[in-house]
């Protein structure tokens, strides 16, 4: 009978043995990706347009024109890429049709800065048409990627100024180009 009592106590002990557990939950957790939001002069898209007609060789400078580049996002931009392109945009009458490259080669860039950096030096090191000055042709053929980025909620100025070279001949009358400047902010 002592063995039966011990078996009964063992069975009762096994059946009342339990582990404790407590569960809590955390709800309404939210995850949102940050943003890079490059704006020119405080807005999306094209705000500033350089526009000059009837340029006189060696005449007035076009600019300096300042474009304020704003990072309105929540993430810092580590680098800024700057690229230039152009297409022909002739006036009339145009008795001698010069190529867009020839016309861009007569448009000297006299000022080109980003923040506190003088970009003319970087372009001049790769001066591509070997005419002795930096022109719009050189800009389009240059790699200006990897410039210092723009911190979140901060801005930097981009400044450009151009002039039609004084030695521009009669063959260039009514020749023109339309230039596009593209700014890409990278994380």
N, C-alpha and C. Protein backbone atom coordinates (compact mmCIF):
# COMPACT_ATOMS: atom_id res chain seq x y z
N UNK A 1 0.80 -1.15 0.00
CA UNK A 1 0.00 0.00 0.00
C UNK A 1 0.87 1.25 0.00
N UNK A 2 1.99 1.21 0.56
CA UNK A 2 2.90 2.35 0.53
C UNK A 2 3.34 2.64 -0.89
N UNK A 3 3.52 1.63 -1.70
CA UNK A 3 3.92 1.83 -3.09
C UNK A 3 2.77 2.47 -3.86
N UNK A 4 1.53 2.04 -3.61
CA UNK A 4 0.39 2.62 -4.30
C UNK A 4 0.23 4.08 -3.92
N UNK A 5 0.46 4.44 -2.65
CA UNK A 5 0.37 5.81 -2.20
C UNK A 5 1.42 6.67 -2.88
N UNK A 6 2.64 6.15 -3.01
CA UNK A 6 3.71 6.90 -3.66
C UNK A 6 3.42 7.10 -5.14
N UNK A 7 2.85 6.11 -5.81
CA UNK A 7 2.49 6.25 -7.21
C UNK A 7 1.39 7.31 -7.36
N UNK A 8 0.42 7.29 -6.44
CA UNK A 8 -0.65 8.27 -6.51
C UNK A 8 -0.12 9.68 -6.31
N UNK A 9 0.81 9.89 -5.38
CA UNK A 9 1.42 11.20 -5.15
C UNK A 9 2.24 11.62 -6.36
N UNK A 10 2.97 10.70 -6.98
CA UNK A 10 3.76 11.01 -8.16
C UNK A 10 2.88 11.42 -9.32
N UNK A 11 1.76 10.74 -9.53
CA UNK A 11 0.84 11.08 -10.62
C UNK A 11 0.22 12.45 -10.36
N UNK A 12 -0.15 12.72 -9.11
CA UNK A 12 -0.73 14.01 -8.77
C UNK A 12 0.31 15.12 -8.98
N UNK A 13 1.57 14.87 -8.60
CA UNK A 13 2.64 15.86 -8.76
C UNK A 13 2.90 16.16 -10.23
N UNK A 14 2.86 15.16 -11.08
CA UNK A 14 3.11 15.36 -12.50
C UNK A 14 1.96 16.14 -13.13
N UNK A 15 0.76 15.86 -12.75
CA UNK A 15 -0.37 16.52 -13.38
C UNK A 15 -0.53 17.97 -12.95
N UNK A 16 0.02 18.39 -11.83
CA UNK A 16 -0.10 19.78 -11.39
C UNK A 16 1.12 20.62 -11.75
N UNK A 17 2.15 20.07 -12.37
CA UNK A 17 3.37 20.78 -12.76
C UNK A 17 3.08 21.60 -14.02
N UNK A 18 3.37 22.90 -14.06
CA UNK A 18 3.10 23.75 -15.22
C UNK A 18 4.18 24.83 -15.34
N UNK A 19 4.34 25.39 -16.56
CA UNK A 19 5.22 26.53 -16.80
C UNK A 19 4.36 27.79 -16.88
N UNK A 20 4.89 28.90 -16.39
CA UNK A 20 4.18 30.16 -16.48
C UNK A 20 4.59 30.88 -17.76
N UNK A 21 3.70 31.63 -18.40
CA UNK A 21 3.98 32.42 -19.59
C UNK A 21 3.17 33.71 -19.53
N UNK A 22 3.73 34.75 -20.07
CA UNK A 22 3.03 36.02 -20.13
C UNK A 22 3.35 36.64 -21.49
N UNK A 23 2.38 37.09 -22.26
CA UNK A 23 2.58 37.64 -23.60
C UNK A 23 2.06 39.06 -23.65
N UNK A 24 2.88 39.94 -24.19
CA UNK A 24 2.47 41.33 -24.43
C UNK A 24 2.68 41.61 -25.91
N UNK A 25 1.96 42.54 -26.46
CA UNK A 25 2.17 42.89 -27.87
C UNK A 25 2.34 44.40 -28.01
N UNK A 26 3.11 44.78 -29.02
CA UNK A 26 3.34 46.18 -29.33
C UNK A 26 2.74 46.44 -30.70
N UNK A 27 1.77 47.29 -30.78
CA UNK A 27 1.10 47.54 -32.06
C UNK A 27 1.39 48.96 -32.54
N UNK A 28 0.93 49.25 -33.73
CA UNK A 28 1.08 50.56 -34.36
C UNK A 28 2.54 50.95 -34.60
N UNK A 29 3.42 49.96 -34.83
CA UNK A 29 4.79 50.25 -35.21
C UNK A 29 4.80 50.64 -36.68
N UNK A 30 5.51 51.69 -37.03
CA UNK A 30 5.49 52.19 -38.39
C UNK A 30 6.90 52.34 -38.91
N UNK A 31 7.11 51.93 -40.15
CA UNK A 31 8.41 52.07 -40.80
C UNK A 31 8.20 52.81 -42.11
N UNK A 32 8.96 53.90 -42.32
CA UNK A 32 8.84 54.69 -43.53
C UNK A 32 10.23 55.00 -44.05
N UNK A 33 10.42 54.80 -45.33
CA UNK A 33 11.70 55.13 -45.95
C UNK A 33 11.89 56.64 -45.95
N UNK A 34 13.13 57.09 -45.78
CA UNK A 34 13.44 58.51 -45.85
C UNK A 34 13.35 59.00 -47.29
N UNK A 35 13.54 60.28 -47.49
CA UNK A 35 13.41 60.86 -48.83
C UNK A 35 14.60 61.74 -49.18
N UNK A 36 14.92 61.75 -50.44
CA UNK A 36 15.77 62.76 -51.06
C UNK A 36 14.84 63.56 -51.95
N UNK A 37 14.78 64.85 -51.80
CA UNK A 37 13.87 65.67 -52.60
C UNK A 37 14.61 66.93 -53.03
N UNK A 38 15.24 66.85 -54.21
CA UNK A 38 15.99 67.98 -54.74
C UNK A 38 15.04 68.96 -55.41
N UNK A 39 15.14 70.20 -55.03
CA UNK A 39 14.33 71.26 -55.62
C UNK A 39 15.26 72.35 -56.14
N UNK A 40 14.83 73.01 -57.20
CA UNK A 40 15.57 74.16 -57.72
C UNK A 40 14.77 75.41 -57.38
N UNK A 41 15.43 76.32 -56.69
CA UNK A 41 14.79 77.55 -56.24
C UNK A 41 13.49 77.29 -55.49
N UNK A 42 13.48 76.21 -54.69
CA UNK A 42 12.35 75.90 -53.82
C UNK A 42 11.20 75.16 -54.47
N UNK A 43 11.33 74.74 -55.71
CA UNK A 43 10.23 74.05 -56.39
C UNK A 43 10.77 72.86 -57.19
N UNK A 44 9.88 71.93 -57.50
CA UNK A 44 10.25 70.81 -58.36
C UNK A 44 10.29 71.28 -59.80
N UNK A 45 11.20 70.73 -60.58
CA UNK A 45 11.25 71.03 -62.01
C UNK A 45 12.05 72.26 -62.33
N UNK A 46 11.84 72.76 -63.54
CA UNK A 46 12.60 73.89 -64.05
C UNK A 46 12.03 75.19 -63.51
N UNK A 47 12.87 75.94 -62.86
CA UNK A 47 12.45 77.24 -62.34
C UNK A 47 13.26 78.35 -63.02
N UNK A 48 14.56 78.13 -63.13
CA UNK A 48 15.45 79.17 -63.64
C UNK A 48 15.82 78.84 -65.08
N UNK A 49 15.63 79.79 -65.96
CA UNK A 49 16.00 79.63 -67.35
C UNK A 49 16.91 80.77 -67.76
N UNK A 50 18.07 80.42 -68.31
CA UNK A 50 18.95 81.44 -68.90
C UNK A 50 18.45 81.67 -70.31
N UNK A 51 18.21 82.91 -70.62
CA UNK A 51 17.65 83.20 -71.93
C UNK A 51 18.33 84.43 -72.49
N UNK A 52 18.93 84.29 -73.64
CA UNK A 52 19.59 85.43 -74.28
C UNK A 52 19.43 85.31 -75.79
N UNK A 53 18.92 86.35 -76.39
CA UNK A 53 18.84 86.42 -77.85
C UNK A 53 19.63 87.64 -78.29
N UNK A 54 19.98 87.65 -79.54
CA UNK A 54 20.73 88.77 -80.12
C UNK A 54 22.02 89.02 -79.36
N UNK A 55 22.70 87.93 -78.97
CA UNK A 55 23.99 88.08 -78.28
C UNK A 55 25.00 88.71 -79.23
N UNK A 56 25.76 89.63 -78.70
CA UNK A 56 26.77 90.33 -79.47
C UNK A 56 28.15 89.75 -79.12
N UNK A 57 28.98 89.45 -80.13
CA UNK A 57 30.32 88.94 -79.82
C UNK A 57 31.07 89.88 -78.87
N UNK A 58 31.57 89.33 -77.77
CA UNK A 58 32.29 90.12 -76.79
C UNK A 58 31.41 91.07 -76.01
N UNK A 59 30.10 90.95 -76.16
CA UNK A 59 29.16 91.86 -75.51
C UNK A 59 28.89 91.48 -74.07
N UNK A 60 27.71 91.85 -73.65
CA UNK A 60 27.32 91.64 -72.26
C UNK A 60 27.37 90.17 -71.87
N UNK A 61 27.64 89.97 -70.58
CA UNK A 61 27.61 88.62 -70.02
C UNK A 61 26.17 88.20 -69.77
N UNK A 62 25.90 86.92 -69.97
CA UNK A 62 24.59 86.36 -69.64
C UNK A 62 24.74 85.74 -68.26
N UNK A 63 24.15 86.37 -67.27
CA UNK A 63 24.32 85.95 -65.88
C UNK A 63 25.14 86.99 -65.15
N UNK A 64 25.67 86.69 -64.00
CA UNK A 64 25.59 85.36 -63.41
C UNK A 64 24.18 85.03 -62.97
N UNK A 65 23.80 83.78 -63.22
CA UNK A 65 22.50 83.29 -62.82
C UNK A 65 22.69 82.27 -61.71
N UNK A 66 21.98 82.46 -60.62
CA UNK A 66 22.10 81.57 -59.46
C UNK A 66 20.89 80.67 -59.39
N UNK A 67 21.15 79.38 -59.28
CA UNK A 67 20.11 78.38 -59.06
C UNK A 67 20.34 77.82 -57.66
N UNK A 68 19.35 77.97 -56.79
CA UNK A 68 19.46 77.45 -55.43
C UNK A 68 18.98 76.00 -55.45
N UNK A 69 19.89 75.08 -55.10
CA UNK A 69 19.56 73.66 -55.05
C UNK A 69 19.24 73.30 -53.60
N UNK A 70 17.99 72.91 -53.34
CA UNK A 70 17.51 72.58 -51.99
C UNK A 70 17.32 71.08 -51.86
N UNK A 71 17.80 70.50 -50.75
CA UNK A 71 17.45 69.13 -50.39
C UNK A 71 16.31 69.23 -49.39
N UNK A 72 15.09 69.12 -49.85
CA UNK A 72 13.91 69.23 -48.99
C UNK A 72 13.52 67.90 -48.38
N UNK A 73 14.34 66.88 -48.57
CA UNK A 73 14.05 65.56 -48.04
C UNK A 73 14.52 65.39 -46.61
N UNK A 74 14.39 64.14 -46.12
CA UNK A 74 14.77 63.83 -44.74
C UNK A 74 16.12 63.14 -44.65
N UNK A 75 16.72 62.78 -45.80
CA UNK A 75 18.02 62.11 -45.82
C UNK A 75 19.08 63.04 -46.39
N UNK A 76 20.30 62.91 -45.90
CA UNK A 76 21.41 63.68 -46.45
C UNK A 76 21.78 63.14 -47.83
N UNK A 77 22.05 64.04 -48.75
CA UNK A 77 22.57 63.64 -50.05
C UNK A 77 24.09 63.61 -49.97
N UNK A 78 24.68 62.47 -50.33
CA UNK A 78 26.14 62.35 -50.19
C UNK A 78 26.88 62.97 -51.37
N UNK A 79 26.31 62.89 -52.58
CA UNK A 79 26.95 63.48 -53.76
C UNK A 79 25.91 64.11 -54.67
N UNK A 80 26.38 65.03 -55.49
CA UNK A 80 25.54 65.67 -56.50
C UNK A 80 26.23 65.49 -57.85
N UNK A 81 25.49 65.03 -58.85
CA UNK A 81 26.00 64.91 -60.20
C UNK A 81 25.43 66.07 -61.02
N UNK A 82 26.29 66.71 -61.80
CA UNK A 82 25.87 67.82 -62.66
C UNK A 82 26.23 67.43 -64.09
N UNK A 83 25.24 67.51 -64.97
CA UNK A 83 25.47 67.16 -66.38
C UNK A 83 24.87 68.26 -67.27
N UNK A 84 25.50 68.46 -68.41
CA UNK A 84 25.06 69.48 -69.37
C UNK A 84 24.86 68.81 -70.73
N UNK A 85 23.87 69.27 -71.45
CA UNK A 85 23.66 68.84 -72.83
C UNK A 85 23.09 70.04 -73.60
N UNK A 86 23.14 69.96 -74.91
CA UNK A 86 22.59 71.04 -75.72
C UNK A 86 22.12 70.49 -77.06
N UNK A 87 21.22 71.24 -77.67
CA UNK A 87 20.73 70.93 -79.02
C UNK A 87 20.71 72.23 -79.82
N UNK A 88 20.68 72.10 -81.12
CA UNK A 88 20.64 73.27 -81.99
C UNK A 88 19.32 74.01 -81.83
N UNK A 89 19.39 75.32 -81.85
CA UNK A 89 18.21 76.17 -81.72
C UNK A 89 18.49 77.47 -82.45
N UNK A 90 18.49 77.40 -83.77
CA UNK A 90 18.86 78.55 -84.59
C UNK A 90 17.73 79.54 -84.74
N UNK A 91 18.13 80.81 -84.91
CA UNK A 91 17.19 81.86 -85.25
C UNK A 91 17.14 82.00 -86.77
N UNK A 92 16.50 83.06 -87.24
CA UNK A 92 16.46 83.27 -88.69
C UNK A 92 16.62 84.76 -88.97
N UNK A 93 17.11 85.17 -90.09
CA UNK A 93 17.63 84.28 -91.14
C UNK A 93 18.99 83.71 -90.73
N UNK A 94 19.26 82.51 -91.15
CA UNK A 94 20.48 81.81 -90.81
C UNK A 94 21.17 81.41 -92.12
N UNK A 95 21.97 82.33 -92.65
CA UNK A 95 22.57 82.11 -93.97
C UNK A 95 23.64 81.02 -93.97
N UNK A 96 24.41 80.89 -92.91
CA UNK A 96 25.42 79.83 -92.79
C UNK A 96 25.07 79.04 -91.53
N UNK A 97 24.73 77.77 -91.73
CA UNK A 97 24.31 76.96 -90.59
C UNK A 97 25.51 76.30 -89.94
N UNK A 98 25.94 76.85 -88.80
CA UNK A 98 27.02 76.24 -88.02
C UNK A 98 26.45 75.10 -87.19
N UNK A 99 27.27 74.12 -86.88
CA UNK A 99 26.81 72.98 -86.09
C UNK A 99 26.59 73.42 -84.64
N UNK A 100 25.77 72.67 -83.90
CA UNK A 100 25.60 72.99 -82.48
C UNK A 100 26.92 72.94 -81.71
N UNK A 101 27.82 72.02 -82.08
CA UNK A 101 29.13 71.94 -81.41
C UNK A 101 29.95 73.19 -81.68
N UNK A 102 29.92 73.69 -82.93
CA UNK A 102 30.65 74.93 -83.25
C UNK A 102 30.10 76.10 -82.45
N UNK A 103 28.76 76.20 -82.37
CA UNK A 103 28.13 77.30 -81.64
C UNK A 103 28.44 77.20 -80.15
N UNK A 104 28.33 76.00 -79.58
CA UNK A 104 28.63 75.79 -78.15
C UNK A 104 30.09 76.14 -77.86
N UNK A 105 30.97 75.93 -78.84
CA UNK A 105 32.39 76.25 -78.67
C UNK A 105 32.67 77.75 -78.65
N UNK A 106 31.73 78.57 -79.09
CA UNK A 106 31.90 80.02 -79.06
C UNK A 106 31.26 80.65 -77.81
N UNK A 107 30.55 79.85 -77.03
CA UNK A 107 29.90 80.33 -75.81
C UNK A 107 30.83 80.06 -74.62
N UNK A 108 31.63 81.06 -74.26
CA UNK A 108 32.58 80.90 -73.16
C UNK A 108 31.87 80.94 -71.81
N UNK A 109 32.23 80.02 -70.94
CA UNK A 109 31.70 79.99 -69.58
C UNK A 109 32.69 80.77 -68.71
N UNK A 110 32.24 81.89 -68.17
CA UNK A 110 33.13 82.76 -67.39
C UNK A 110 33.01 82.52 -65.88
N UNK A 111 31.88 81.98 -65.45
CA UNK A 111 31.66 81.64 -64.05
C UNK A 111 30.93 80.32 -63.98
N UNK A 112 31.41 79.43 -63.10
CA UNK A 112 30.75 78.15 -62.87
C UNK A 112 31.13 77.69 -61.46
N UNK A 113 30.20 77.88 -60.52
CA UNK A 113 30.48 77.49 -59.14
C UNK A 113 29.33 76.65 -58.59
N UNK A 114 29.67 75.83 -57.61
CA UNK A 114 28.68 75.05 -56.86
C UNK A 114 29.09 75.14 -55.40
N UNK A 115 28.23 75.74 -54.59
CA UNK A 115 28.62 76.00 -53.20
C UNK A 115 29.82 76.92 -53.20
N UNK A 116 30.90 76.49 -52.57
CA UNK A 116 32.13 77.29 -52.55
C UNK A 116 33.16 76.77 -53.55
N UNK A 117 32.79 75.76 -54.36
CA UNK A 117 33.73 75.16 -55.31
C UNK A 117 33.66 75.83 -56.68
N UNK A 118 34.83 76.18 -57.22
CA UNK A 118 34.94 76.71 -58.57
C UNK A 118 35.06 75.54 -59.53
N UNK A 119 34.01 75.27 -60.29
CA UNK A 119 34.00 74.12 -61.20
C UNK A 119 34.73 74.39 -62.50
N UNK A 120 35.03 75.65 -62.80
CA UNK A 120 35.77 75.95 -64.04
C UNK A 120 37.11 75.22 -64.07
N UNK A 121 37.74 75.11 -62.92
CA UNK A 121 39.03 74.42 -62.84
C UNK A 121 38.89 72.97 -63.24
N UNK A 122 37.85 72.29 -62.74
CA UNK A 122 37.63 70.88 -63.07
C UNK A 122 37.35 70.70 -64.55
N UNK A 123 36.58 71.62 -65.14
CA UNK A 123 36.27 71.52 -66.57
C UNK A 123 37.50 71.86 -67.39
N UNK A 124 38.27 72.87 -66.97
CA UNK A 124 39.46 73.30 -67.71
C UNK A 124 40.51 72.20 -67.78
N UNK A 125 40.59 71.37 -66.74
CA UNK A 125 41.56 70.27 -66.77
C UNK A 125 41.26 69.29 -67.89
N UNK A 126 40.00 69.23 -68.32
CA UNK A 126 39.64 68.33 -69.41
C UNK A 126 39.15 69.09 -70.63
N UNK A 127 39.63 70.31 -70.82
CA UNK A 127 39.19 71.17 -71.92
C UNK A 127 39.30 70.39 -73.23
N UNK A 128 38.16 70.07 -73.83
CA UNK A 128 38.10 69.05 -74.86
C UNK A 128 38.28 69.54 -76.29
N UNK A 129 37.93 70.76 -76.59
CA UNK A 129 38.09 71.21 -77.97
C UNK A 129 39.33 72.09 -78.15
N UNK A 130 40.17 72.15 -77.12
CA UNK A 130 41.50 72.78 -77.20
C UNK A 130 41.49 74.18 -77.79
N UNK A 131 40.51 75.00 -77.42
CA UNK A 131 40.49 76.38 -77.92
C UNK A 131 41.04 77.36 -76.89
N UNK A 132 41.46 76.86 -75.71
CA UNK A 132 42.11 77.72 -74.72
C UNK A 132 41.19 78.34 -73.70
N UNK A 133 39.90 78.06 -73.75
CA UNK A 133 38.96 78.58 -72.76
C UNK A 133 37.87 77.54 -72.54
N UNK A 134 37.15 77.67 -71.42
CA UNK A 134 36.06 76.74 -71.12
C UNK A 134 34.79 77.27 -71.78
N UNK A 135 34.14 76.39 -72.54
CA UNK A 135 32.92 76.76 -73.24
C UNK A 135 31.83 75.73 -72.95
N UNK A 136 30.66 75.96 -73.51
CA UNK A 136 29.54 75.04 -73.27
C UNK A 136 29.82 73.67 -73.87
N UNK A 137 30.55 73.61 -74.96
CA UNK A 137 30.97 72.31 -75.52
C UNK A 137 31.74 71.52 -74.47
N UNK A 138 32.67 72.17 -73.77
CA UNK A 138 33.46 71.51 -72.73
C UNK A 138 32.58 71.03 -71.57
N UNK A 139 31.59 71.85 -71.19
CA UNK A 139 30.69 71.44 -70.12
C UNK A 139 29.98 70.14 -70.46
N UNK A 140 29.46 70.06 -71.68
CA UNK A 140 28.70 68.87 -72.09
C UNK A 140 29.59 67.64 -72.18
N UNK A 141 30.88 67.85 -72.36
CA UNK A 141 31.81 66.73 -72.51
C UNK A 141 32.58 66.45 -71.22
N UNK A 142 32.18 67.07 -70.11
CA UNK A 142 32.89 66.92 -68.83
C UNK A 142 32.12 66.03 -67.87
N UNK A 143 32.86 65.42 -66.96
CA UNK A 143 32.26 64.62 -65.89
C UNK A 143 32.30 65.43 -64.60
N UNK A 144 31.17 65.99 -64.24
CA UNK A 144 31.07 66.76 -62.99
C UNK A 144 30.23 65.99 -61.97
N UNK A 145 30.31 64.67 -62.03
CA UNK A 145 29.61 63.86 -61.04
C UNK A 145 30.45 63.78 -59.77
N UNK A 146 29.80 63.42 -58.67
CA UNK A 146 30.51 63.23 -57.40
C UNK A 146 30.83 64.51 -56.66
N UNK A 147 30.12 65.60 -56.95
CA UNK A 147 30.31 66.82 -56.18
C UNK A 147 29.78 66.59 -54.77
N UNK A 148 30.19 67.42 -53.83
CA UNK A 148 29.72 67.31 -52.45
C UNK A 148 28.20 67.39 -52.41
N UNK A 149 27.58 66.49 -51.64
CA UNK A 149 26.13 66.45 -51.56
C UNK A 149 25.54 67.60 -50.77
N UNK A 150 24.24 67.52 -50.55
CA UNK A 150 23.51 68.54 -49.80
C UNK A 150 22.80 67.85 -48.64
N UNK A 151 23.04 68.31 -47.44
CA UNK A 151 22.39 67.73 -46.25
C UNK A 151 20.89 67.97 -46.30
N UNK A 152 20.14 67.12 -45.58
CA UNK A 152 18.69 67.28 -45.50
C UNK A 152 18.35 68.68 -44.99
N UNK A 153 17.35 69.28 -45.59
CA UNK A 153 16.86 70.61 -45.23
C UNK A 153 17.91 71.70 -45.42
N UNK A 154 18.88 71.47 -46.29
CA UNK A 154 19.92 72.47 -46.55
C UNK A 154 19.90 72.83 -48.04
N UNK A 155 20.74 73.77 -48.43
CA UNK A 155 20.81 74.19 -49.83
C UNK A 155 22.24 74.59 -50.18
N UNK A 156 22.51 74.60 -51.49
CA UNK A 156 23.76 75.14 -52.04
C UNK A 156 23.42 75.87 -53.33
N UNK A 157 24.20 76.91 -53.62
CA UNK A 157 23.99 77.69 -54.83
C UNK A 157 24.82 77.15 -55.98
N UNK A 158 24.22 77.14 -57.15
CA UNK A 158 24.92 76.84 -58.40
C UNK A 158 24.86 78.13 -59.21
N UNK A 159 26.03 78.60 -59.69
CA UNK A 159 26.08 79.87 -60.41
C UNK A 159 26.77 79.65 -61.76
N UNK A 160 26.18 80.20 -62.82
CA UNK A 160 26.75 80.10 -64.16
C UNK A 160 26.63 81.44 -64.86
N UNK A 161 27.66 81.74 -65.68
CA UNK A 161 27.67 82.97 -66.48
C UNK A 161 28.37 82.64 -67.79
N UNK A 162 27.83 83.12 -68.91
CA UNK A 162 28.41 82.86 -70.23
C UNK A 162 28.51 84.15 -71.05
N UNK A 163 29.34 84.08 -72.08
CA UNK A 163 29.51 85.21 -72.98
C UNK A 163 29.87 84.68 -74.36
N UNK A 164 29.32 85.30 -75.39
CA UNK A 164 29.70 84.98 -76.76
C UNK A 164 31.07 85.58 -77.02
N UNK A 165 32.02 84.75 -77.44
CA UNK A 165 33.41 85.18 -77.64
C UNK A 165 33.51 86.34 -78.63
N UNK A 166 34.45 87.23 -78.37
CA UNK A 166 34.62 88.42 -79.22
C UNK A 166 35.06 88.06 -80.63
N UNK A 167 35.75 86.95 -80.81
CA UNK A 167 36.21 86.56 -82.15
C UNK A 167 35.16 85.78 -82.95
N UNK A 168 33.92 85.71 -82.45
CA UNK A 168 32.85 85.01 -83.16
C UNK A 168 32.59 85.74 -84.47
N UNK A 169 32.71 85.02 -85.59
CA UNK A 169 32.58 85.64 -86.92
C UNK A 169 31.16 85.71 -87.44
N UNK A 170 31.02 86.34 -88.60
CA UNK A 170 29.72 86.52 -89.25
C UNK A 170 29.02 85.21 -89.56
N UNK A 171 29.78 84.15 -89.76
CA UNK A 171 29.17 82.85 -90.08
C UNK A 171 28.28 82.33 -88.96
N UNK A 172 28.38 82.89 -87.77
CA UNK A 172 27.59 82.42 -86.63
C UNK A 172 26.29 83.21 -86.43
N UNK A 173 26.03 84.19 -87.31
CA UNK A 173 24.81 84.98 -87.14
C UNK A 173 23.58 84.09 -87.16
N UNK A 174 22.74 84.26 -86.14
CA UNK A 174 21.47 83.54 -85.94
C UNK A 174 21.66 82.07 -85.55
N UNK A 175 22.90 81.63 -85.35
CA UNK A 175 23.09 80.27 -84.83
C UNK A 175 22.87 80.28 -83.33
N UNK A 176 22.28 79.23 -82.82
CA UNK A 176 22.00 79.18 -81.39
C UNK A 176 21.91 77.75 -80.89
N UNK A 177 21.88 77.62 -79.57
CA UNK A 177 21.73 76.33 -78.91
C UNK A 177 20.78 76.49 -77.72
N UNK A 178 20.18 75.39 -77.34
CA UNK A 178 19.41 75.31 -76.11
C UNK A 178 20.13 74.32 -75.21
N UNK A 179 20.53 74.78 -74.02
CA UNK A 179 21.31 73.95 -73.10
C UNK A 179 20.41 73.47 -71.96
N UNK A 180 20.63 72.23 -71.55
CA UNK A 180 19.94 71.65 -70.40
C UNK A 180 20.97 71.32 -69.33
N UNK A 181 20.68 71.74 -68.10
CA UNK A 181 21.51 71.42 -66.94
C UNK A 181 20.74 70.43 -66.10
N UNK A 182 21.34 69.28 -65.79
CA UNK A 182 20.67 68.25 -65.01
C UNK A 182 21.42 68.05 -63.69
N UNK A 183 20.69 68.14 -62.59
CA UNK A 183 21.26 67.96 -61.25
C UNK A 183 20.64 66.70 -60.65
N UNK A 184 21.50 65.78 -60.18
CA UNK A 184 21.05 64.54 -59.57
C UNK A 184 21.67 64.40 -58.18
N UNK A 185 20.82 64.40 -57.16
CA UNK A 185 21.29 64.24 -55.78
C UNK A 185 21.23 62.76 -55.41
N UNK A 186 22.33 62.22 -54.90
CA UNK A 186 22.44 60.81 -54.57
C UNK A 186 22.59 60.62 -53.07
N UNK A 187 22.03 59.52 -52.58
CA UNK A 187 22.16 59.21 -51.16
C UNK A 187 23.52 58.64 -50.87
